[in-house]
Amino acid sequence: MRFMLEKQLSELHEMLVEMCAHVEKALRDCKIALVNKDKDLAKDIIKRDNVTDQMEHNIEHLCTQIIMRQQPVASDLRKVTASLKIITDLERIGDQTQDISEIITMMDDKPYNIQLVLISQMFDETAIMLKEAIDSFVLENVDLANGVRQRDDVVDDLFDEIRNRCVTAIMDSTEEAAQIIDLIQIAKYLERIGDHSENIAEWVIYADTGSH
């Protein structure tokens, strides 16, 4: 019985790592698609969301099998519970990369009228948050997970600054208002991705300590 439980927990771990890597790549590709106005890449990211959804479904099924057949307790049960919560956040991050990509596909082909320095920085900070949240899960590292929670303030501050600058830019000139509003929406999705990364880190802490 214990051997089978450990085997399924190991399989669960591997499936989660694969889903994490898939979602992380989608986020990094979103930045490339935005900066380069690469609509083909954006469309490819949108298509990949079906893979994310299937991964979530497969992991949910395995977690259900573990709970029903192995009846895990204590730390084993916490790992399964945390895994179910983590895949929910990963699926939502996947949805948000899809939303960003859809915005990119609808933007016009004219050069950006404002610099993308801050939004590129926000992409980078969010990607770091997600990577460190994933690493904290893979390594079962509570200290790393706590670091992710602290990074969320940086992402929130960047969103506030981007929003304020975009509002000022619209007031100065309404000609590029549609483009600027698109960038505010993208920044908001990134802020939400940061929140979901923080959630993942908190579930890693729960799996290790039992405290949430």
N, C-alpha and C. Protein backbone atom coordinates (compact mmCIF):
# COMPACT_ATOMS: atom_id res chain seq x y z
N MET A 1 0.83 -1.20 0.00
CA MET A 1 0.00 0.00 0.00
C MET A 1 0.87 1.26 0.00
N ARG A 2 1.89 1.29 0.86
CA ARG A 2 2.76 2.46 0.95
C ARG A 2 3.55 2.64 -0.34
N PHE A 3 3.98 1.53 -0.91
CA PHE A 3 4.75 1.60 -2.16
C PHE A 3 3.91 2.24 -3.27
N MET A 4 2.65 1.83 -3.37
CA MET A 4 1.77 2.36 -4.41
C MET A 4 1.50 3.86 -4.17
N LEU A 5 1.33 4.24 -2.92
CA LEU A 5 1.10 5.65 -2.60
C LEU A 5 2.30 6.49 -3.01
N GLU A 6 3.48 6.03 -2.65
CA GLU A 6 4.69 6.79 -3.00
C GLU A 6 4.87 6.87 -4.51
N LYS A 7 4.52 5.79 -5.20
CA LYS A 7 4.63 5.80 -6.66
C LYS A 7 3.68 6.82 -7.28
N GLN A 8 2.46 6.88 -6.78
CA GLN A 8 1.49 7.83 -7.33
C GLN A 8 1.83 9.26 -6.94
N LEU A 9 2.36 9.47 -5.74
CA LEU A 9 2.79 10.81 -5.35
C LEU A 9 3.94 11.29 -6.22
N SER A 10 4.83 10.37 -6.57
CA SER A 10 5.94 10.71 -7.47
C SER A 10 5.41 11.08 -8.86
N GLU A 11 4.43 10.32 -9.33
CA GLU A 11 3.82 10.61 -10.63
C GLU A 11 3.12 11.97 -10.60
N LEU A 12 2.45 12.25 -9.49
CA LEU A 12 1.77 13.53 -9.31
C LEU A 12 2.77 14.69 -9.37
N HIS A 13 3.89 14.50 -8.69
CA HIS A 13 4.95 15.52 -8.68
C HIS A 13 5.44 15.80 -10.09
N GLU A 14 5.69 14.76 -10.85
CA GLU A 14 6.20 14.92 -12.22
C GLU A 14 5.18 15.62 -13.12
N MET A 15 3.91 15.27 -12.97
CA MET A 15 2.87 15.91 -13.78
C MET A 15 2.74 17.39 -13.45
N LEU A 16 2.87 17.71 -12.17
CA LEU A 16 2.80 19.11 -11.75
C LEU A 16 3.98 19.92 -12.29
N VAL A 17 5.15 19.34 -12.24
CA VAL A 17 6.35 20.01 -12.77
C VAL A 17 6.17 20.29 -14.26
N GLU A 18 5.62 19.33 -14.98
CA GLU A 18 5.40 19.50 -16.43
C GLU A 18 4.40 20.63 -16.69
N MET A 19 3.33 20.68 -15.90
CA MET A 19 2.34 21.74 -16.08
C MET A 19 2.94 23.10 -15.75
N CYS A 20 3.73 23.15 -14.69
CA CYS A 20 4.40 24.39 -14.31
C CYS A 20 5.28 24.91 -15.44
N ALA A 21 6.07 24.03 -16.03
CA ALA A 21 6.98 24.42 -17.11
C ALA A 21 6.20 24.92 -18.32
N HIS A 22 5.08 24.27 -18.60
CA HIS A 22 4.23 24.65 -19.74
C HIS A 22 3.68 26.06 -19.56
N VAL A 23 3.19 26.36 -18.37
CA VAL A 23 2.60 27.67 -18.09
C VAL A 23 3.69 28.75 -18.05
N GLU A 24 4.83 28.42 -17.46
CA GLU A 24 5.94 29.38 -17.39
C GLU A 24 6.39 29.78 -18.80
N LYS A 25 6.48 28.82 -19.70
CA LYS A 25 6.88 29.12 -21.08
C LYS A 25 5.85 30.04 -21.75
N ALA A 26 4.59 29.80 -21.51
CA ALA A 26 3.55 30.65 -22.10
C ALA A 26 3.71 32.09 -21.66
N LEU A 27 4.02 32.29 -20.38
CA LEU A 27 4.20 33.65 -19.86
C LEU A 27 5.40 34.33 -20.51
N ARG A 28 6.51 33.63 -20.62
CA ARG A 28 7.70 34.22 -21.23
C ARG A 28 7.47 34.51 -22.71
N ASP A 29 6.74 33.65 -23.38
CA ASP A 29 6.44 33.87 -24.80
C ASP A 29 5.51 35.07 -24.99
N CYS A 30 4.66 35.33 -24.01
CA CYS A 30 3.78 36.51 -24.09
C CYS A 30 4.58 37.80 -24.19
N LYS A 31 5.65 37.88 -23.41
CA LYS A 31 6.49 39.08 -23.47
C LYS A 31 7.10 39.24 -24.85
N ILE A 32 7.61 38.15 -25.40
CA ILE A 32 8.22 38.19 -26.73
C ILE A 32 7.18 38.62 -27.76
N ALA A 33 5.98 38.06 -27.67
CA ALA A 33 4.91 38.39 -28.63
C ALA A 33 4.53 39.86 -28.53
N LEU A 34 4.47 40.40 -27.31
CA LEU A 34 4.10 41.81 -27.13
C LEU A 34 5.18 42.73 -27.67
N VAL A 35 6.42 42.52 -27.26
CA VAL A 35 7.51 43.41 -27.66
C VAL A 35 7.69 43.40 -29.17
N ASN A 36 7.59 42.23 -29.78
CA ASN A 36 7.83 42.10 -31.23
C ASN A 36 6.55 42.20 -32.07
N LYS A 37 5.42 42.41 -31.40
CA LYS A 37 4.12 42.40 -32.09
C LYS A 37 3.99 41.14 -32.96
N ASP A 38 4.37 40.02 -32.36
CA ASP A 38 4.36 38.73 -33.06
C ASP A 38 3.00 38.07 -32.87
N LYS A 39 2.11 38.32 -33.81
CA LYS A 39 0.74 37.80 -33.68
C LYS A 39 0.68 36.29 -33.89
N ASP A 40 1.59 35.74 -34.69
CA ASP A 40 1.62 34.29 -34.89
C ASP A 40 1.97 33.58 -33.58
N LEU A 41 2.95 34.13 -32.85
CA LEU A 41 3.31 33.55 -31.56
C LEU A 41 2.15 33.68 -30.58
N ALA A 42 1.49 34.84 -30.60
CA ALA A 42 0.34 35.04 -29.71
C ALA A 42 -0.76 34.01 -29.99
N LYS A 43 -1.02 33.75 -31.27
CA LYS A 43 -2.04 32.75 -31.63
C LYS A 43 -1.63 31.36 -31.17
N ASP A 44 -0.32 31.07 -31.23
CA ASP A 44 0.16 29.77 -30.77
C ASP A 44 -0.04 29.62 -29.26
N ILE A 45 0.20 30.69 -28.52
CA ILE A 45 -0.02 30.67 -27.07
C ILE A 45 -1.48 30.37 -26.76
N ILE A 46 -2.38 30.99 -27.51
CA ILE A 46 -3.82 30.77 -27.32
C ILE A 46 -4.16 29.29 -27.53
N LYS A 47 -3.61 28.70 -28.58
CA LYS A 47 -3.87 27.29 -28.86
C LYS A 47 -3.37 26.38 -27.74
N ARG A 48 -2.27 26.76 -27.13
CA ARG A 48 -1.67 25.92 -26.08
C ARG A 48 -2.52 25.83 -24.83
N ASP A 49 -3.47 26.75 -24.67
CA ASP A 49 -4.28 26.73 -23.44
C ASP A 49 -5.08 25.45 -23.32
N ASN A 50 -5.43 24.83 -24.44
CA ASN A 50 -6.13 23.54 -24.38
C ASN A 50 -5.27 22.48 -23.71
N VAL A 51 -3.95 22.55 -23.95
CA VAL A 51 -3.02 21.61 -23.31
C VAL A 51 -3.01 21.84 -21.80
N THR A 52 -2.99 23.11 -21.40
CA THR A 52 -3.02 23.45 -19.98
C THR A 52 -4.27 22.87 -19.31
N ASP A 53 -5.41 23.04 -19.96
CA ASP A 53 -6.68 22.53 -19.41
C ASP A 53 -6.65 21.01 -19.28
N GLN A 54 -6.08 20.33 -20.27
CA GLN A 54 -6.00 18.87 -20.22
C GLN A 54 -5.08 18.41 -19.11
N MET A 55 -3.96 19.13 -18.93
CA MET A 55 -3.05 18.81 -17.83
C MET A 55 -3.75 18.93 -16.48
N GLU A 56 -4.53 20.00 -16.32
CA GLU A 56 -5.27 20.18 -15.07
C GLU A 56 -6.23 19.01 -14.85
N HIS A 57 -6.93 18.63 -15.91
CA HIS A 57 -7.89 17.52 -15.80
C HIS A 57 -7.19 16.23 -15.40
N ASN A 58 -6.05 15.94 -16.02
CA ASN A 58 -5.32 14.70 -15.72
C ASN A 58 -4.83 14.66 -14.28
N ILE A 59 -4.34 15.80 -13.80
CA ILE A 59 -3.84 15.86 -12.43
C ILE A 59 -4.99 15.73 -11.43
N GLU A 60 -6.12 16.38 -11.72
CA GLU A 60 -7.30 16.24 -10.86
C GLU A 60 -7.71 14.77 -10.75
N HIS A 61 -7.70 14.09 -11.89
CA HIS A 61 -8.09 12.67 -11.90
C HIS A 61 -7.14 11.84 -11.04
N LEU A 62 -5.84 12.09 -11.16
CA LEU A 62 -4.87 11.34 -10.36
C LEU A 62 -5.05 11.64 -8.88
N CYS A 63 -5.27 12.90 -8.52
CA CYS A 63 -5.47 13.25 -7.11
C CYS A 63 -6.70 12.54 -6.55
N THR A 64 -7.76 12.47 -7.34
CA THR A 64 -8.97 11.78 -6.91
C THR A 64 -8.70 10.31 -6.66
N GLN A 65 -7.93 9.69 -7.57
CA GLN A 65 -7.58 8.28 -7.41
C GLN A 65 -6.75 8.05 -6.15
N ILE A 66 -5.81 8.94 -5.88
CA ILE A 66 -4.96 8.80 -4.69
C ILE A 66 -5.81 8.88 -3.42
N ILE A 67 -6.72 9.85 -3.37
CA ILE A 67 -7.54 10.05 -2.18
C ILE A 67 -8.48 8.86 -1.97
N MET A 68 -9.10 8.39 -3.05
CA MET A 68 -10.09 7.31 -2.92
C MET A 68 -9.45 5.97 -2.62
N ARG A 69 -8.32 5.68 -3.27
CA ARG A 69 -7.74 4.34 -3.17
C ARG A 69 -6.67 4.22 -2.09
N GLN A 70 -5.92 5.30 -1.87
CA GLN A 70 -4.80 5.22 -0.93
C GLN A 70 -5.11 5.83 0.43
N GLN A 71 -6.14 6.69 0.45
CA GLN A 71 -6.56 7.33 1.71
C GLN A 71 -5.36 7.93 2.46
N PRO A 72 -4.66 8.85 1.83
CA PRO A 72 -3.48 9.44 2.47
C PRO A 72 -3.85 10.26 3.70
N VAL A 73 -2.91 10.38 4.62
CA VAL A 73 -3.13 11.17 5.84
C VAL A 73 -1.93 12.09 6.05
N ALA A 74 -2.10 13.02 6.99
CA ALA A 74 -1.02 13.93 7.41
C ALA A 74 -0.35 14.62 6.21
N SER A 75 0.98 14.56 6.13
CA SER A 75 1.72 15.30 5.10
C SER A 75 1.37 14.82 3.69
N ASP A 76 1.09 13.54 3.52
CA ASP A 76 0.72 13.02 2.20
C ASP A 76 -0.59 13.64 1.73
N LEU A 77 -1.55 13.73 2.63
CA LEU A 77 -2.84 14.32 2.28
C LEU A 77 -2.67 15.81 1.97
N ARG A 78 -1.80 16.49 2.73
CA ARG A 78 -1.56 17.92 2.47
C ARG A 78 -0.95 18.11 1.08
N LYS A 79 -0.05 17.21 0.68
CA LYS A 79 0.57 17.32 -0.66
C LYS A 79 -0.48 17.21 -1.75
N VAL A 80 -1.40 16.26 -1.58
CA VAL A 80 -2.44 16.07 -2.59
C VAL A 80 -3.38 17.28 -2.61
N THR A 81 -3.77 17.74 -1.44
CA THR A 81 -4.66 18.91 -1.35
C THR A 81 -4.00 20.14 -1.96
N ALA A 82 -2.73 20.36 -1.61
CA ALA A 82 -2.00 21.51 -2.15
C ALA A 82 -1.88 21.41 -3.67
N SER A 83 -1.66 20.20 -4.17
CA SER A 83 -1.55 20.00 -5.62
C SER A 83 -2.82 20.40 -6.33
N LEU A 84 -3.98 20.04 -5.76
CA LEU A 84 -5.25 20.42 -6.36
C LEU A 84 -5.42 21.93 -6.40
N LYS A 85 -4.96 22.61 -5.36
CA LYS A 85 -5.05 24.07 -5.32
C LYS A 85 -4.07 24.70 -6.30
N ILE A 86 -2.87 24.15 -6.38
CA ILE A 86 -1.82 24.70 -7.26
C ILE A 86 -2.25 24.62 -8.72
N ILE A 87 -2.84 23.51 -9.13
CA ILE A 87 -3.22 23.39 -10.55
C ILE A 87 -4.33 24.37 -10.91
N THR A 88 -5.16 24.72 -9.92
CA THR A 88 -6.19 25.72 -10.18
C THR A 88 -5.54 27.06 -10.50
N ASP A 89 -4.52 27.44 -9.71
CA ASP A 89 -3.81 28.69 -9.98
C ASP A 89 -3.04 28.63 -11.29
N LEU A 90 -2.43 27.49 -11.59
CA LEU A 90 -1.71 27.35 -12.85
C LEU A 90 -2.67 27.47 -14.04
N GLU A 91 -3.84 26.87 -13.92
CA GLU A 91 -4.82 26.94 -15.02
C GLU A 91 -5.26 28.39 -15.24
N ARG A 92 -5.42 29.12 -14.15
CA ARG A 92 -5.83 30.52 -14.28
C ARG A 92 -4.72 31.38 -14.87
N ILE A 93 -3.48 31.07 -14.52
CA ILE A 93 -2.34 31.77 -15.15
C ILE A 93 -2.35 31.48 -16.65
N GLY A 94 -2.62 30.23 -17.01
CA GLY A 94 -2.73 29.88 -18.42
C GLY A 94 -3.82 30.68 -19.11
N ASP A 95 -4.96 30.85 -18.45
CA ASP A 95 -6.05 31.65 -19.01
C ASP A 95 -5.61 33.09 -19.22
N GLN A 96 -4.84 33.61 -18.27
CA GLN A 96 -4.43 35.01 -18.37
C GLN A 96 -3.37 35.23 -19.45
N THR A 97 -2.51 34.23 -19.67
CA THR A 97 -1.58 34.35 -20.80
C THR A 97 -2.37 34.30 -22.12
N GLN A 98 -3.44 33.54 -22.13
CA GLN A 98 -4.32 33.49 -23.31
C GLN A 98 -4.99 34.85 -23.51
N ASP A 99 -5.45 35.47 -22.43
CA ASP A 99 -6.10 36.78 -22.53
C ASP A 99 -5.12 37.83 -23.06
N ILE A 100 -3.89 37.81 -22.54
CA ILE A 100 -2.87 38.75 -23.02
C ILE A 100 -2.62 38.53 -24.50
N SER A 101 -2.52 37.28 -24.90
CA SER A 101 -2.26 36.95 -26.30
C SER A 101 -3.39 37.42 -27.21
N GLU A 102 -4.63 37.29 -26.73
CA GLU A 102 -5.77 37.75 -27.53
C GLU A 102 -5.71 39.26 -27.74
N ILE A 103 -5.30 39.98 -26.71
CA ILE A 103 -5.15 41.44 -26.86
C ILE A 103 -4.08 41.74 -27.91
N ILE A 104 -2.97 41.01 -27.86
CA ILE A 104 -1.88 41.24 -28.81
C ILE A 104 -2.35 41.01 -30.25
N THR A 105 -3.15 39.97 -30.46
CA THR A 105 -3.61 39.68 -31.82
C THR A 105 -4.53 40.77 -32.36
N MET A 106 -5.18 41.52 -31.47
CA MET A 106 -6.13 42.55 -31.91
C MET A 106 -5.51 43.94 -31.99
N MET A 107 -4.27 44.09 -31.51
CA MET A 107 -3.62 45.40 -31.57
C MET A 107 -3.22 45.71 -33.02
N ASP A 108 -3.21 47.01 -33.35
CA ASP A 108 -2.81 47.38 -34.71
C ASP A 108 -1.30 47.19 -34.88
N ASP A 109 -0.84 47.31 -36.11
CA ASP A 109 0.56 47.02 -36.41
C ASP A 109 1.46 48.25 -36.31
N LYS A 110 0.90 49.36 -35.92
CA LYS A 110 1.72 50.58 -35.79
C LYS A 110 2.71 50.42 -34.63
N PRO A 111 3.87 51.09 -34.73
CA PRO A 111 4.85 51.04 -33.64
C PRO A 111 4.24 51.57 -32.34
N TYR A 112 4.74 51.10 -31.21
CA TYR A 112 4.24 51.59 -29.94
C TYR A 112 4.57 53.08 -29.78
N ASN A 113 3.60 53.80 -29.27
CA ASN A 113 3.79 55.24 -29.09
C ASN A 113 4.41 55.56 -27.74
N ILE A 114 4.43 54.57 -26.84
CA ILE A 114 5.06 54.77 -25.54
C ILE A 114 6.06 53.64 -25.31
N GLN A 115 7.02 53.90 -24.44
CA GLN A 115 8.05 52.90 -24.17
C GLN A 115 7.46 51.74 -23.36
N LEU A 116 8.04 50.56 -23.59
CA LEU A 116 7.56 49.36 -22.90
C LEU A 116 8.48 48.94 -21.76
N VAL A 117 9.31 49.87 -21.30
CA VAL A 117 10.31 49.52 -20.27
C VAL A 117 9.64 48.98 -19.02
N LEU A 118 8.64 49.70 -18.51
CA LEU A 118 8.01 49.29 -17.25
C LEU A 118 7.21 47.99 -17.41
N ILE A 119 6.48 47.87 -18.52
CA ILE A 119 5.68 46.66 -18.69
C ILE A 119 6.59 45.46 -18.95
N SER A 120 7.74 45.69 -19.61
CA SER A 120 8.72 44.61 -19.78
C SER A 120 9.28 44.20 -18.42
N GLN A 121 9.53 45.19 -17.56
CA GLN A 121 10.02 44.90 -16.21
C GLN A 121 8.97 44.12 -15.42
N MET A 122 7.70 44.48 -15.63
CA MET A 122 6.63 43.77 -14.92
C MET A 122 6.53 42.33 -15.40
N PHE A 123 6.70 42.10 -16.70
CA PHE A 123 6.75 40.74 -17.23
C PHE A 123 7.87 39.96 -16.54
N ASP A 124 9.06 40.59 -16.45
CA ASP A 124 10.21 39.90 -15.86
C ASP A 124 9.99 39.57 -14.39
N GLU A 125 9.47 40.53 -13.64
CA GLU A 125 9.23 40.31 -12.21
C GLU A 125 8.17 39.23 -11.99
N THR A 126 7.14 39.25 -12.82
CA THR A 126 6.09 38.23 -12.70
C THR A 126 6.63 36.85 -13.05
N ALA A 127 7.46 36.80 -14.09
CA ALA A 127 8.07 35.52 -14.50
C ALA A 127 8.97 34.98 -13.39
N ILE A 128 9.70 35.88 -12.72
CA ILE A 128 10.55 35.46 -11.60
C ILE A 128 9.69 34.91 -10.47
N MET A 129 8.60 35.61 -10.17
CA MET A 129 7.68 35.13 -9.12
C MET A 129 7.19 33.72 -9.43
N LEU A 130 6.74 33.52 -10.68
CA LEU A 130 6.21 32.22 -11.06
C LEU A 130 7.29 31.15 -10.99
N LYS A 131 8.48 31.47 -11.51
CA LYS A 131 9.58 30.49 -11.49
C LYS A 131 9.96 30.12 -10.06
N GLU A 132 10.06 31.12 -9.19
CA GLU A 132 10.45 30.83 -7.81
C GLU A 132 9.34 30.08 -7.07
N ALA A 133 8.08 30.35 -7.40
CA ALA A 133 6.98 29.59 -6.81
C ALA A 133 7.07 28.13 -7.24
N ILE A 134 7.36 27.93 -8.53
CA ILE A 134 7.52 26.57 -9.05
C ILE A 134 8.73 25.89 -8.40
N ASP A 135 9.84 26.61 -8.32
CA ASP A 135 11.05 26.05 -7.71
C ASP A 135 10.81 25.69 -6.24
N SER A 136 10.05 26.54 -5.54
CA SER A 136 9.77 26.26 -4.13
C SER A 136 8.97 24.97 -3.99
N PHE A 137 8.10 24.70 -4.97
CA PHE A 137 7.34 23.45 -4.97
C PHE A 137 8.26 22.27 -5.28
N VAL A 138 9.07 22.40 -6.34
CA VAL A 138 9.94 21.30 -6.75
C VAL A 138 10.94 20.95 -5.65
N LEU A 139 11.50 21.97 -5.02
CA LEU A 139 12.53 21.77 -4.00
C LEU A 139 11.95 21.63 -2.59
N GLU A 140 10.63 21.84 -2.47
CA GLU A 140 9.98 21.84 -1.15
C GLU A 140 10.69 22.81 -0.22
N ASN A 141 10.89 24.04 -0.72
CA ASN A 141 11.68 25.05 -0.03
C ASN A 141 10.76 26.16 0.47
N VAL A 142 10.49 26.16 1.77
CA VAL A 142 9.59 27.15 2.36
C VAL A 142 10.18 28.55 2.31
N ASP A 143 11.50 28.68 2.50
CA ASP A 143 12.15 30.00 2.46
C ASP A 143 11.96 30.64 1.09
N LEU A 144 12.11 29.86 0.04
CA LEU A 144 11.91 30.36 -1.32
C LEU A 144 10.46 30.78 -1.53
N ALA A 145 9.54 29.99 -0.99
CA ALA A 145 8.12 30.33 -1.10
C ALA A 145 7.81 31.64 -0.39
N ASN A 146 8.42 31.87 0.77
CA ASN A 146 8.21 33.13 1.48
C ASN A 146 8.75 34.31 0.68
N GLY A 147 9.84 34.10 -0.05
CA GLY A 147 10.40 35.14 -0.89
C GLY A 147 9.46 35.55 -2.01
N VAL A 148 8.70 34.59 -2.53
CA VAL A 148 7.73 34.88 -3.58
C VAL A 148 6.66 35.84 -3.06
N ARG A 149 6.22 35.62 -1.86
CA ARG A 149 5.18 36.47 -1.26
C ARG A 149 5.65 37.91 -1.16
N GLN A 150 6.94 38.09 -0.83
CA GLN A 150 7.48 39.44 -0.70
C GLN A 150 7.60 40.14 -2.06
N ARG A 151 7.86 39.36 -3.11
CA ARG A 151 8.00 39.93 -4.45
C ARG A 151 6.69 40.51 -4.99
N ASP A 152 5.59 40.06 -4.46
CA ASP A 152 4.29 40.52 -4.97
C ASP A 152 4.13 42.02 -4.82
N ASP A 153 4.73 42.59 -3.79
CA ASP A 153 4.66 44.04 -3.60
C ASP A 153 5.33 44.78 -4.75
N VAL A 154 6.42 44.22 -5.28
CA VAL A 154 7.13 44.84 -6.40
C VAL A 154 6.23 44.87 -7.63
N VAL A 155 5.56 43.75 -7.89
CA VAL A 155 4.65 43.65 -9.05
C VAL A 155 3.49 44.63 -8.90
N ASP A 156 2.93 44.72 -7.70
CA ASP A 156 1.81 45.64 -7.45
C ASP A 156 2.24 47.08 -7.68
N ASP A 157 3.43 47.45 -7.21
CA ASP A 157 3.94 48.81 -7.38
C ASP A 157 4.15 49.13 -8.86
N LEU A 158 4.66 48.16 -9.61
CA LEU A 158 4.86 48.37 -11.04
C LEU A 158 3.52 48.59 -11.75
N PHE A 159 2.51 47.82 -11.36
CA PHE A 159 1.20 48.00 -11.98
C PHE A 159 0.67 49.41 -11.71
N ASP A 160 0.79 49.87 -10.47
CA ASP A 160 0.32 51.22 -10.14
C ASP A 160 1.03 52.28 -10.98
N GLU A 161 2.34 52.12 -11.14
CA GLU A 161 3.11 53.10 -11.90
C GLU A 161 2.73 53.06 -13.37
N ILE A 162 2.58 51.86 -13.93
CA ILE A 162 2.17 51.73 -15.33
C ILE A 162 0.80 52.37 -15.55
N ARG A 163 -0.13 52.08 -14.67
CA ARG A 163 -1.48 52.63 -14.81
C ARG A 163 -1.46 54.15 -14.76
N ASN A 164 -0.71 54.70 -13.81
CA ASN A 164 -0.65 56.16 -13.68
C ASN A 164 -0.02 56.80 -14.92
N ARG A 165 1.04 56.20 -15.43
CA ARG A 165 1.70 56.75 -16.63
C ARG A 165 0.80 56.65 -17.85
N CYS A 166 0.06 55.56 -17.94
CA CYS A 166 -0.84 55.38 -19.08
C CYS A 166 -1.98 56.39 -19.04
N VAL A 167 -2.51 56.65 -17.85
CA VAL A 167 -3.57 57.66 -17.71
C VAL A 167 -3.06 59.03 -18.13
N THR A 168 -1.85 59.35 -17.70
CA THR A 168 -1.24 60.64 -18.08
C THR A 168 -1.05 60.72 -19.58
N ALA A 169 -0.61 59.61 -20.18
CA ALA A 169 -0.39 59.59 -21.64
C ALA A 169 -1.69 59.80 -22.40
N ILE A 170 -2.79 59.23 -21.91
CA ILE A 170 -4.08 59.42 -22.57
C ILE A 170 -4.53 60.88 -22.44
N MET A 171 -4.28 61.47 -21.29
CA MET A 171 -4.66 62.88 -21.10
C MET A 171 -3.87 63.80 -22.01
N ASP A 172 -2.61 63.44 -22.26
CA ASP A 172 -1.76 64.26 -23.13
C ASP A 172 -2.14 64.12 -24.60
N SER A 173 -2.55 62.91 -24.98
CA SER A 173 -2.92 62.67 -26.37
C SER A 173 -3.88 61.48 -26.45
N THR A 174 -5.04 61.72 -27.02
CA THR A 174 -6.04 60.64 -27.12
C THR A 174 -5.86 59.80 -28.38
N GLU A 175 -4.91 60.17 -29.23
CA GLU A 175 -4.74 59.47 -30.51
C GLU A 175 -4.40 57.99 -30.32
N GLU A 176 -3.60 57.70 -29.29
CA GLU A 176 -3.17 56.33 -29.06
C GLU A 176 -3.88 55.71 -27.86
N ALA A 177 -5.06 56.22 -27.55
CA ALA A 177 -5.77 55.77 -26.34
C ALA A 177 -6.05 54.27 -26.37
N ALA A 178 -6.45 53.74 -27.53
CA ALA A 178 -6.79 52.31 -27.61
C ALA A 178 -5.57 51.46 -27.29
N GLN A 179 -4.42 51.82 -27.85
CA GLN A 179 -3.19 51.08 -27.59
C GLN A 179 -2.81 51.14 -26.11
N ILE A 180 -2.95 52.31 -25.52
CA ILE A 180 -2.58 52.50 -24.12
C ILE A 180 -3.51 51.70 -23.20
N ILE A 181 -4.80 51.69 -23.52
CA ILE A 181 -5.75 50.92 -22.71
C ILE A 181 -5.43 49.43 -22.80
N ASP A 182 -5.03 48.97 -23.99
CA ASP A 182 -4.62 47.56 -24.14
C ASP A 182 -3.45 47.24 -23.21
N LEU A 183 -2.50 48.15 -23.12
CA LEU A 183 -1.34 47.92 -22.26
C LEU A 183 -1.72 47.91 -20.78
N ILE A 184 -2.69 48.75 -20.40
CA ILE A 184 -3.17 48.72 -19.01
C ILE A 184 -3.81 47.36 -18.72
N GLN A 185 -4.59 46.85 -19.66
CA GLN A 185 -5.23 45.54 -19.48
C GLN A 185 -4.18 44.44 -19.32
N ILE A 186 -3.14 44.49 -20.15
CA ILE A 186 -2.08 43.49 -20.07
C ILE A 186 -1.39 43.57 -18.70
N ALA A 187 -1.13 44.79 -18.25
CA ALA A 187 -0.49 44.97 -16.94
C ALA A 187 -1.39 44.40 -15.83
N LYS A 188 -2.69 44.56 -15.96
CA LYS A 188 -3.62 44.03 -14.95
C LYS A 188 -3.58 42.51 -14.93
N TYR A 189 -3.52 41.90 -16.11
CA TYR A 189 -3.40 40.44 -16.16
C TYR A 189 -2.10 39.97 -15.51
N LEU A 190 -1.03 40.71 -15.73
CA LEU A 190 0.25 40.37 -15.10
C LEU A 190 0.16 40.47 -13.58
N GLU A 191 -0.55 41.49 -13.11
CA GLU A 191 -0.73 41.65 -11.66
C GLU A 191 -1.47 40.46 -11.08
N ARG A 192 -2.46 39.95 -11.83
CA ARG A 192 -3.22 38.77 -11.38
C ARG A 192 -2.34 37.52 -11.40
N ILE A 193 -1.49 37.42 -12.41
CA ILE A 193 -0.56 36.28 -12.47
C ILE A 193 0.36 36.29 -11.25
N GLY A 194 0.79 37.49 -10.85
CA GLY A 194 1.59 37.60 -9.62
C GLY A 194 0.83 37.10 -8.41
N ASP A 195 -0.46 37.43 -8.34
CA ASP A 195 -1.29 36.95 -7.22
C ASP A 195 -1.39 35.43 -7.21
N HIS A 196 -1.58 34.84 -8.39
CA HIS A 196 -1.67 33.38 -8.46
C HIS A 196 -0.34 32.71 -8.11
N SER A 197 0.76 33.35 -8.49
CA SER A 197 2.09 32.82 -8.12
C SER A 197 2.26 32.84 -6.60
N GLU A 198 1.77 33.92 -5.99
CA GLU A 198 1.81 34.01 -4.53
C GLU A 198 0.96 32.91 -3.91
N ASN A 199 -0.20 32.64 -4.49
CA ASN A 199 -1.06 31.56 -3.99
C ASN A 199 -0.33 30.22 -4.03
N ILE A 200 0.38 29.96 -5.15
CA ILE A 200 1.13 28.70 -5.27
C ILE A 200 2.15 28.59 -4.15
N ALA A 201 2.86 29.68 -3.90
CA ALA A 201 3.86 29.68 -2.82
C ALA A 201 3.21 29.39 -1.47
N GLU A 202 2.03 29.95 -1.24
CA GLU A 202 1.35 29.72 0.03
C GLU A 202 0.91 28.27 0.18
N TRP A 203 0.54 27.64 -0.93
CA TRP A 203 0.16 26.22 -0.85
C TRP A 203 1.38 25.33 -0.65
N VAL A 204 2.53 25.77 -1.14
CA VAL A 204 3.77 25.04 -0.87
C VAL A 204 4.08 25.08 0.63
N ILE A 205 3.88 26.25 1.23
CA ILE A 205 4.10 26.40 2.68
C ILE A 205 3.12 25.52 3.45
N TYR A 206 1.87 25.49 2.99
CA TYR A 206 0.86 24.65 3.64
C TYR A 206 1.24 23.18 3.58
N ALA A 207 1.68 22.73 2.40
CA ALA A 207 2.03 21.32 2.24
C ALA A 207 3.16 20.93 3.20
N ASP A 208 4.06 21.85 3.46
CA ASP A 208 5.21 21.54 4.32
C ASP A 208 4.89 21.69 5.81
N THR A 209 4.12 22.73 6.15
CA THR A 209 3.94 23.07 7.57
C THR A 209 2.54 22.75 8.10
N GLY A 210 1.57 22.63 7.19
CA GLY A 210 0.20 22.45 7.65
C GLY A 210 -0.49 23.75 8.00
N SER A 211 0.24 24.87 7.82
CA SER A 211 -0.31 26.18 8.14
C SER A 211 -0.53 26.96 6.86
N HIS A 212 -1.68 27.63 6.75
CA HIS A 212 -1.98 28.43 5.55
C HIS A 212 -2.37 29.83 5.97
